[in-house]
Amino acid sequence: MRPLQNGASNLTLKYKMNKFIFLAAFTAISLNAAKCDTGWLQKGCDAGDFESCDNLGLAYIGIKLEECDLDKNYEKAFALFKKACDGEYVRACVNLGVAYRKGEGVKKDEPKAAELYKKACDSGYLLGCANLGSLYEQGFGVKKDAQKAGKIWRKACEAKDGMSCFNLGVLYYNAMLGEKDVANAKNYLQKACAYGWKDGCDAAQAIEKAAKR
């Protein structure tokens, strides 16, 4: 991202709302295996291990699909995400929300996506909060409300979610929460940077450079 380049006045919001959430350990297994054997995930899911259900769903939508022993199948992935979410595995609720948001494996339903993101957010899963805020900011499945988005992102930022801090900083910078507030924008962008969100570092530095012109 190159904010403020050539005198540009706006920063750009960053979203992950259309991306499924991958488990690092599972990704590592698929990367290091000559062939991704998912049989153990199916056994775990059948035994009631909802994390296995969620990871199996991810395999069906294409984590290193060329190394896996199954064909891409969004309907099966949806069913697995739903089973895991119904079992209160909240990461799966976000993945289920993404499926509803994109209409993959199920009819597109943005209000349902919002409901699922809220469930995850209320359970303390921060990417659910980040995604829910994005829906409110854009008006997808809910009434467009930048103030509501800001409130949700502020809560997630306080819990050290870098993407939410970044987006909150953007709202302040672009005068989406009232008058333009560069000081608050810089504060939240620096928090995003501190919490590992690199775009926050770049944007905060760009604001500093612009102030020196």
C-alpha atoms as a PDB file:
ATOM      1  CA  MET A   1       0.000   0.000   0.000  1.00  0.00           C
ATOM      2  CA  ARG A   2       1.258   3.504  -0.811  1.00  0.00           C
ATOM      3  CA  PRO A   3      -0.893   5.974   1.106  1.00  0.00           C
ATOM      4  CA  LEU A   4      -0.649   9.689   0.399  1.00  0.00           C
ATOM      5  CA  GLN A   5       1.475   9.138  -2.707  1.00  0.00           C
ATOM      6  CA  ASN A   6       1.503  12.194  -4.974  1.00  0.00           C
ATOM      7  CA  GLY A   7      -0.547  14.188  -2.480  1.00  0.00           C
ATOM      8  CA  ALA A   8      -3.439  11.717  -2.300  1.00  0.00           C
ATOM      9  CA  SER A   9      -5.803  12.558   0.546  1.00  0.00           C
ATOM     10  CA  ASN A  10      -7.295   9.168   1.432  1.00  0.00           C
ATOM     11  CA  LEU A  11      -6.070   5.933   2.930  1.00  0.00           C
ATOM     12  CA  THR A  12      -7.609   2.667   1.811  1.00  0.00           C
ATOM     13  CA  LEU A  13      -9.411   0.230   4.087  1.00  0.00           C
ATOM     14  CA  LYS A  14      -8.085  -3.313   4.295  1.00  0.00           C
ATOM     15  CA  TYR A  15     -10.367  -6.319   4.568  1.00  0.00           C
ATOM     16  CA  LYS A  16     -10.044 -10.067   4.961  1.00  0.00           C
ATOM     17  CA  MET A  17     -13.744 -10.651   4.929  1.00  0.00           C
ATOM     18  CA  ASN A  18     -13.646 -12.658   1.698  1.00  0.00           C
ATOM     19  CA  LYS A  19     -10.822 -14.916   2.776  1.00  0.00           C
ATOM     20  CA  PHE A  20     -11.110 -18.180   4.623  1.00  0.00           C
ATOM     21  CA  ILE A  21      -9.011 -18.578   7.755  1.00  0.00           C
ATOM     22  CA  PHE A  22      -6.268 -21.133   7.586  1.00  0.00           C
ATOM     23  CA  LEU A  23      -4.685 -22.954  10.512  1.00  0.00           C
ATOM     24  CA  ALA A  24      -0.902 -22.606  10.395  1.00  0.00           C
ATOM     25  CA  ALA A  25      -0.256 -26.161  11.592  1.00  0.00           C
ATOM     26  CA  PHE A  26      -2.500 -27.640   8.919  1.00  0.00           C
ATOM     27  CA  THR A  27      -0.908 -25.514   6.214  1.00  0.00           C
ATOM     28  CA  ALA A  28       2.530 -26.692   7.290  1.00  0.00           C
ATOM     29  CA  ILE A  29       1.430 -30.320   7.071  1.00  0.00           C
ATOM     30  CA  SER A  30       0.111 -29.867   3.545  1.00  0.00           C
ATOM     31  CA  LEU A  31       3.268 -28.050   2.462  1.00  0.00           C
ATOM     32  CA  ASN A  32       5.582 -30.734   3.787  1.00  0.00           C
ATOM     33  CA  ALA A  33       3.664 -33.768   2.599  1.00  0.00           C
ATOM     34  CA  ALA A  34       4.110 -35.304  -0.830  1.00  0.00           C
ATOM     35  CA  LYS A  35       0.394 -35.957  -0.763  1.00  0.00           C
ATOM     36  CA  CYS A  36      -2.058 -34.317   1.612  1.00  0.00           C
ATOM     37  CA  ASP A  37      -3.807 -37.215   3.375  1.00  0.00           C
ATOM     38  CA  THR A  38      -7.073 -35.917   4.809  1.00  0.00           C
ATOM     39  CA  GLY A  39      -8.312 -39.230   6.155  1.00  0.00           C
ATOM     40  CA  TRP A  40      -7.209 -38.367   9.689  1.00  0.00           C
ATOM     41  CA  LEU A  41      -9.198 -35.140   9.512  1.00  0.00           C
ATOM     42  CA  GLN A  42     -12.318 -37.031   8.482  1.00  0.00           C
ATOM     43  CA  LYS A  43     -11.845 -39.469  11.358  1.00  0.00           C
ATOM     44  CA  GLY A  44     -11.388 -36.615  13.794  1.00  0.00           C
ATOM     45  CA  CYS A  45     -14.445 -34.812  12.499  1.00  0.00           C
ATOM     46  CA  ASP A  46     -16.538 -37.977  12.690  1.00  0.00           C
ATOM     47  CA  ALA A  47     -15.406 -38.342  16.312  1.00  0.00           C
ATOM     48  CA  GLY A  48     -16.603 -34.833  17.163  1.00  0.00           C
ATOM     49  CA  ASP A  49     -13.346 -32.891  16.832  1.00  0.00           C
ATOM     50  CA  PHE A  50     -14.708 -29.687  15.312  1.00  0.00           C
ATOM     51  CA  GLU A  51     -11.268 -28.262  14.536  1.00  0.00           C
ATOM     52  CA  SER A  52     -10.757 -31.264  12.253  1.00  0.00           C
ATOM     53  CA  CYS A  53     -14.102 -30.547  10.587  1.00  0.00           C
ATOM     54  CA  ASP A  54     -13.061 -26.959   9.934  1.00  0.00           C
ATOM     55  CA  ASN A  55      -9.662 -27.940   8.546  1.00  0.00           C
ATOM     56  CA  LEU A  56     -11.223 -30.602   6.342  1.00  0.00           C
ATOM     57  CA  GLY A  57     -13.574 -27.946   5.002  1.00  0.00           C
ATOM     58  CA  LEU A  58     -10.553 -25.802   4.184  1.00  0.00           C
ATOM     59  CA  ALA A  59      -8.970 -28.716   2.339  1.00  0.00           C
ATOM     60  CA  TYR A  60     -12.112 -29.020   0.208  1.00  0.00           C
ATOM     61  CA  ILE A  61     -11.790 -25.394  -0.915  1.00  0.00           C
ATOM     62  CA  GLY A  62      -8.176 -25.684  -1.909  1.00  0.00           C
ATOM     63  CA  ILE A  63      -5.337 -25.547   0.605  1.00  0.00           C
ATOM     64  CA  LYS A  64      -2.516 -26.911  -1.560  1.00  0.00           C
ATOM     65  CA  LEU A  65      -5.209 -28.769  -3.448  1.00  0.00           C
ATOM     66  CA  GLU A  66      -2.741 -30.292  -5.904  1.00  0.00           C
ATOM     67  CA  GLU A  67      -1.205 -32.197  -2.977  1.00  0.00           C
ATOM     68  CA  CYS A  68      -4.491 -33.342  -1.458  1.00  0.00           C
ATOM     69  CA  ASP A  69      -6.500 -36.490  -2.047  1.00  0.00           C
ATOM     70  CA  LEU A  70      -9.853 -34.806  -2.731  1.00  0.00           C
ATOM     71  CA  ASP A  71     -11.529 -32.686  -5.353  1.00  0.00           C
ATOM     72  CA  LYS A  72     -12.594 -29.117  -4.672  1.00  0.00           C
ATOM     73  CA  ASN A  73     -16.118 -29.159  -3.284  1.00  0.00           C
ATOM     74  CA  TYR A  74     -17.623 -26.010  -1.790  1.00  0.00           C
ATOM     75  CA  GLU A  75     -20.824 -27.785  -0.766  1.00  0.00           C
ATOM     76  CA  LYS A  76     -18.899 -30.277   1.371  1.00  0.00           C
ATOM     77  CA  ALA A  77     -16.777 -27.472   2.787  1.00  0.00           C
ATOM     78  CA  PHE A  78     -19.911 -25.546   3.722  1.00  0.00           C
ATOM     79  CA  ALA A  79     -21.391 -28.579   5.501  1.00  0.00           C
ATOM     80  CA  LEU A  80     -18.164 -29.080   7.450  1.00  0.00           C
ATOM     81  CA  PHE A  81     -17.910 -25.420   8.440  1.00  0.00           C
ATOM     82  CA  LYS A  82     -21.534 -25.525   9.581  1.00  0.00           C
ATOM     83  CA  LYS A  83     -20.986 -28.654  11.652  1.00  0.00           C
ATOM     84  CA  ALA A  84     -17.963 -27.092  13.345  1.00  0.00           C
ATOM     85  CA  CYS A  85     -19.709 -23.764  13.921  1.00  0.00           C
ATOM     86  CA  ASP A  86     -22.770 -25.510  15.346  1.00  0.00           C
ATOM     87  CA  GLY A  87     -20.302 -27.218  17.683  1.00  0.00           C
ATOM     88  CA  GLU A  88     -19.178 -23.748  18.852  1.00  0.00           C
ATOM     89  CA  TYR A  89     -15.796 -23.822  17.095  1.00  0.00           C
ATOM     90  CA  VAL A  90     -15.876 -20.105  16.352  1.00  0.00           C
ATOM     91  CA  ARG A  91     -13.180 -19.957  13.686  1.00  0.00           C
ATOM     92  CA  ALA A  92     -15.448 -22.161  11.611  1.00  0.00           C
ATOM     93  CA  CYS A  93     -18.245 -19.636  12.125  1.00  0.00           C
ATOM     94  CA  VAL A  94     -16.102 -17.023  10.389  1.00  0.00           C
ATOM     95  CA  ASN A  95     -15.340 -19.460   7.563  1.00  0.00           C
ATOM     96  CA  LEU A  96     -19.051 -20.239   7.335  1.00  0.00           C
ATOM     97  CA  GLY A  97     -19.736 -16.513   7.196  1.00  0.00           C
ATOM     98  CA  VAL A  98     -17.276 -16.144   4.334  1.00  0.00           C
ATOM     99  CA  ALA A  99     -19.084 -18.935   2.467  1.00  0.00           C
ATOM    100  CA  TYR A 100     -22.396 -17.097   2.888  1.00  0.00           C
ATOM    101  CA  ARG A 101     -20.755 -13.790   1.972  1.00  0.00           C
ATOM    102  CA  LYS A 102     -19.309 -15.176  -1.269  1.00  0.00           C
ATOM    103  CA  GLY A 103     -22.104 -17.617  -2.079  1.00  0.00           C
ATOM    104  CA  GLU A 104     -19.766 -20.598  -2.208  1.00  0.00           C
ATOM    105  CA  GLY A 105     -21.415 -23.911  -1.400  1.00  0.00           C
ATOM    106  CA  VAL A 106     -24.597 -22.099  -0.404  1.00  0.00           C
ATOM    107  CA  LYS A 107     -26.831 -19.317  -1.701  1.00  0.00           C
ATOM    108  CA  LYS A 108     -25.273 -15.914  -1.042  1.00  0.00           C
ATOM    109  CA  ASP A 109     -26.691 -14.440   2.166  1.00  0.00           C
ATOM    110  CA  GLU A 110     -24.906 -11.366   3.519  1.00  0.00           C
ATOM    111  CA  PRO A 111     -27.209 -10.885   6.543  1.00  0.00           C
ATOM    112  CA  LYS A 112     -26.390 -14.466   7.566  1.00  0.00           C
ATOM    113  CA  ALA A 113     -22.693 -13.704   7.154  1.00  0.00           C
ATOM    114  CA  ALA A 114     -23.118 -10.724   9.471  1.00  0.00           C
ATOM    115  CA  GLU A 115     -24.881 -12.922  12.032  1.00  0.00           C
ATOM    116  CA  LEU A 116     -22.029 -15.429  11.972  1.00  0.00           C
ATOM    117  CA  TYR A 117     -19.314 -12.796  12.185  1.00  0.00           C
ATOM    118  CA  LYS A 118     -21.123 -11.312  15.185  1.00  0.00           C
ATOM    119  CA  LYS A 119     -21.280 -14.717  16.845  1.00  0.00           C
ATOM    120  CA  ALA A 120     -17.530 -15.105  16.441  1.00  0.00           C
ATOM    121  CA  CYS A 121     -16.865 -11.538  17.570  1.00  0.00           C
ATOM    122  CA  ASP A 122     -19.052 -11.906  20.657  1.00  0.00           C
ATOM    123  CA  SER A 123     -17.100 -15.066  21.485  1.00  0.00           C
ATOM    124  CA  GLY A 124     -13.828 -13.128  21.392  1.00  0.00           C
ATOM    125  CA  TYR A 125     -12.620 -14.239  17.961  1.00  0.00           C
ATOM    126  CA  LEU A 126     -11.168 -10.980  16.661  1.00  0.00           C
ATOM    127  CA  LEU A 127     -11.292 -11.664  12.934  1.00  0.00           C
ATOM    128  CA  GLY A 128     -15.041 -12.043  13.348  1.00  0.00           C
ATOM    129  CA  CYS A 129     -15.058  -8.474  14.698  1.00  0.00           C
ATOM    130  CA  ALA A 130     -12.854  -7.237  11.869  1.00  0.00           C
ATOM    131  CA  ASN A 131     -15.135  -8.798   9.269  1.00  0.00           C
ATOM    132  CA  LEU A 132     -18.308  -7.572  10.966  1.00  0.00           C
ATOM    133  CA  GLY A 133     -16.969  -4.034  11.008  1.00  0.00           C
ATOM    134  CA  SER A 134     -16.220  -4.330   7.305  1.00  0.00           C
ATOM    135  CA  LEU A 135     -19.830  -5.264   6.579  1.00  0.00           C
ATOM    136  CA  TYR A 136     -21.089  -2.225   8.473  1.00  0.00           C
ATOM    137  CA  GLU A 137     -18.605   0.089   6.772  1.00  0.00           C
ATOM    138  CA  GLN A 138     -19.632  -1.136   3.317  1.00  0.00           C
ATOM    139  CA  GLY A 139     -23.313  -1.771   3.992  1.00  0.00           C
ATOM    140  CA  PHE A 140     -23.284  -5.452   3.029  1.00  0.00           C
ATOM    141  CA  GLY A 141     -26.015  -7.438   4.771  1.00  0.00           C
ATOM    142  CA  VAL A 142     -26.514  -4.675   7.326  1.00  0.00           C
ATOM    143  CA  LYS A 143     -27.376  -0.982   7.194  1.00  0.00           C
ATOM    144  CA  LYS A 144     -24.275   1.007   6.281  1.00  0.00           C
ATOM    145  CA  ASP A 145     -22.991   2.639   9.443  1.00  0.00           C
ATOM    146  CA  ALA A 146     -19.416   3.906   9.755  1.00  0.00           C
ATOM    147  CA  GLN A 147     -19.978   4.738  13.430  1.00  0.00           C
ATOM    148  CA  LYS A 148     -20.977   1.141  14.138  1.00  0.00           C
ATOM    149  CA  ALA A 149     -17.988  -0.132  12.176  1.00  0.00           C
ATOM    150  CA  GLY A 150     -15.738   2.150  14.186  1.00  0.00           C
ATOM    151  CA  LYS A 151     -17.162   0.919  17.479  1.00  0.00           C
ATOM    152  CA  ILE A 152     -16.611  -2.710  16.493  1.00  0.00           C
ATOM    153  CA  TRP A 153     -13.094  -2.079  15.227  1.00  0.00           C
ATOM    154  CA  ARG A 154     -12.229  -0.081  18.351  1.00  0.00           C
ATOM    155  CA  LYS A 155     -13.198  -3.048  20.520  1.00  0.00           C
ATOM    156  CA  ALA A 156     -11.078  -5.404  18.423  1.00  0.00           C
ATOM    157  CA  CYS A 157      -8.183  -2.952  18.336  1.00  0.00           C
ATOM    158  CA  GLU A 158      -8.217  -2.748  22.129  1.00  0.00           C
ATOM    159  CA  ALA A 159      -7.782  -6.529  22.050  1.00  0.00           C
ATOM    160  CA  LYS A 160      -4.727  -6.027  19.782  1.00  0.00           C
ATOM    161  CA  ASP A 161      -6.171  -6.903  16.379  1.00  0.00           C
ATOM    162  CA  GLY A 162      -3.919  -5.026  13.959  1.00  0.00           C
ATOM    163  CA  MET A 163      -6.265  -5.003  10.979  1.00  0.00           C
ATOM    164  CA  SER A 164      -9.060  -3.476  13.063  1.00  0.00           C
ATOM    165  CA  CYS A 165      -6.682  -0.799  14.377  1.00  0.00           C
ATOM    166  CA  PHE A 166      -5.678  -0.018  10.803  1.00  0.00           C
ATOM    167  CA  ASN A 167      -9.237   0.290   9.562  1.00  0.00           C
ATOM    168  CA  LEU A 168     -10.175   2.482  12.524  1.00  0.00           C
ATOM    169  CA  GLY A 169      -7.246   4.748  11.719  1.00  0.00           C
ATOM    170  CA  VAL A 170      -8.464   4.982   8.136  1.00  0.00           C
ATOM    171  CA  LEU A 171     -11.936   6.017   9.308  1.00  0.00           C
ATOM    172  CA  TYR A 172     -10.443   8.845  11.349  1.00  0.00           C
ATOM    173  CA  TYR A 173      -8.135   9.948   8.547  1.00  0.00           C
ATOM    174  CA  ASN A 174     -10.845   9.948   5.899  1.00  0.00           C
ATOM    175  CA  ALA A 175     -13.309  11.898   8.100  1.00  0.00           C
ATOM    176  CA  MET A 176     -15.737   8.977   8.270  1.00  0.00           C
ATOM    177  CA  LEU A 177     -16.341   9.429  12.008  1.00  0.00           C
ATOM    178  CA  GLY A 178     -16.857  13.173  11.892  1.00  0.00           C
ATOM    179  CA  GLU A 179     -14.165  15.709  11.099  1.00  0.00           C
ATOM    180  CA  LYS A 180     -10.817  14.464   9.845  1.00  0.00           C
ATOM    181  CA  ASP A 181      -8.670  13.546  12.851  1.00  0.00           C
ATOM    182  CA  VAL A 182      -5.062  13.016  11.837  1.00  0.00           C
ATOM    183  CA  ALA A 183      -3.823  12.598  15.414  1.00  0.00           C
ATOM    184  CA  ASN A 184      -6.240   9.756  16.162  1.00  0.00           C
ATOM    185  CA  ALA A 185      -5.604   8.253  12.747  1.00  0.00           C
ATOM    186  CA  LYS A 186      -1.870   8.180  13.362  1.00  0.00           C
ATOM    187  CA  ASN A 187      -2.403   6.733  16.847  1.00  0.00           C
ATOM    188  CA  TYR A 188      -4.418   3.783  15.567  1.00  0.00           C
ATOM    189  CA  LEU A 189      -2.171   3.221  12.571  1.00  0.00           C
ATOM    190  CA  GLN A 190       0.816   3.046  14.909  1.00  0.00           C
ATOM    191  CA  LYS A 191      -1.075   0.544  17.055  1.00  0.00           C
ATOM    192  CA  ALA A 192      -1.750  -1.524  13.948  1.00  0.00           C
ATOM    193  CA  CYS A 193       1.967  -1.448  13.224  1.00  0.00           C
ATOM    194  CA  ALA A 194       2.804  -2.488  16.796  1.00  0.00           C
ATOM    195  CA  TYR A 195       0.393  -5.416  16.508  1.00  0.00           C
ATOM    196  CA  GLY A 196       2.066  -6.702  13.353  1.00  0.00           C
ATOM    197  CA  TRP A 197      -0.081  -5.117  10.626  1.00  0.00           C
ATOM    198  CA  LYS A 198       2.580  -3.782   8.239  1.00  0.00           C
ATOM    199  CA  ASP A 199       0.253  -1.454   6.339  1.00  0.00           C
ATOM    200  CA  GLY A 200      -0.167   0.443   9.593  1.00  0.00           C
ATOM    201  CA  CYS A 201       3.579   1.121   9.689  1.00  0.00           C
ATOM    202  CA  ASP A 202       3.585   2.354   6.093  1.00  0.00           C
ATOM    203  CA  ALA A 203       0.524   4.562   6.560  1.00  0.00           C
ATOM    204  CA  ALA A 204       1.755   6.117   9.817  1.00  0.00           C
ATOM    205  CA  GLN A 205       5.095   6.923   8.191  1.00  0.00           C
ATOM    206  CA  ALA A 206       3.326   8.443   5.187  1.00  0.00           C
ATOM    207  CA  ILE A 207       1.284  10.706   7.473  1.00  0.00           C
ATOM    208  CA  GLU A 208       4.470  11.836   9.225  1.00  0.00           C
ATOM    209  CA  LYS A 209       6.131  12.619   5.897  1.00  0.00           C
ATOM    210  CA  ALA A 210       3.077  14.514   4.682  1.00  0.00           C
ATOM    211  CA  ALA A 211       3.082  16.621   7.857  1.00  0.00           C
ATOM    212  CA  LYS A 212       6.670  17.701   7.189  1.00  0.00           C
ATOM    213  CA  ARG A 213       5.953  19.010   3.693  1.00  0.00           C
END
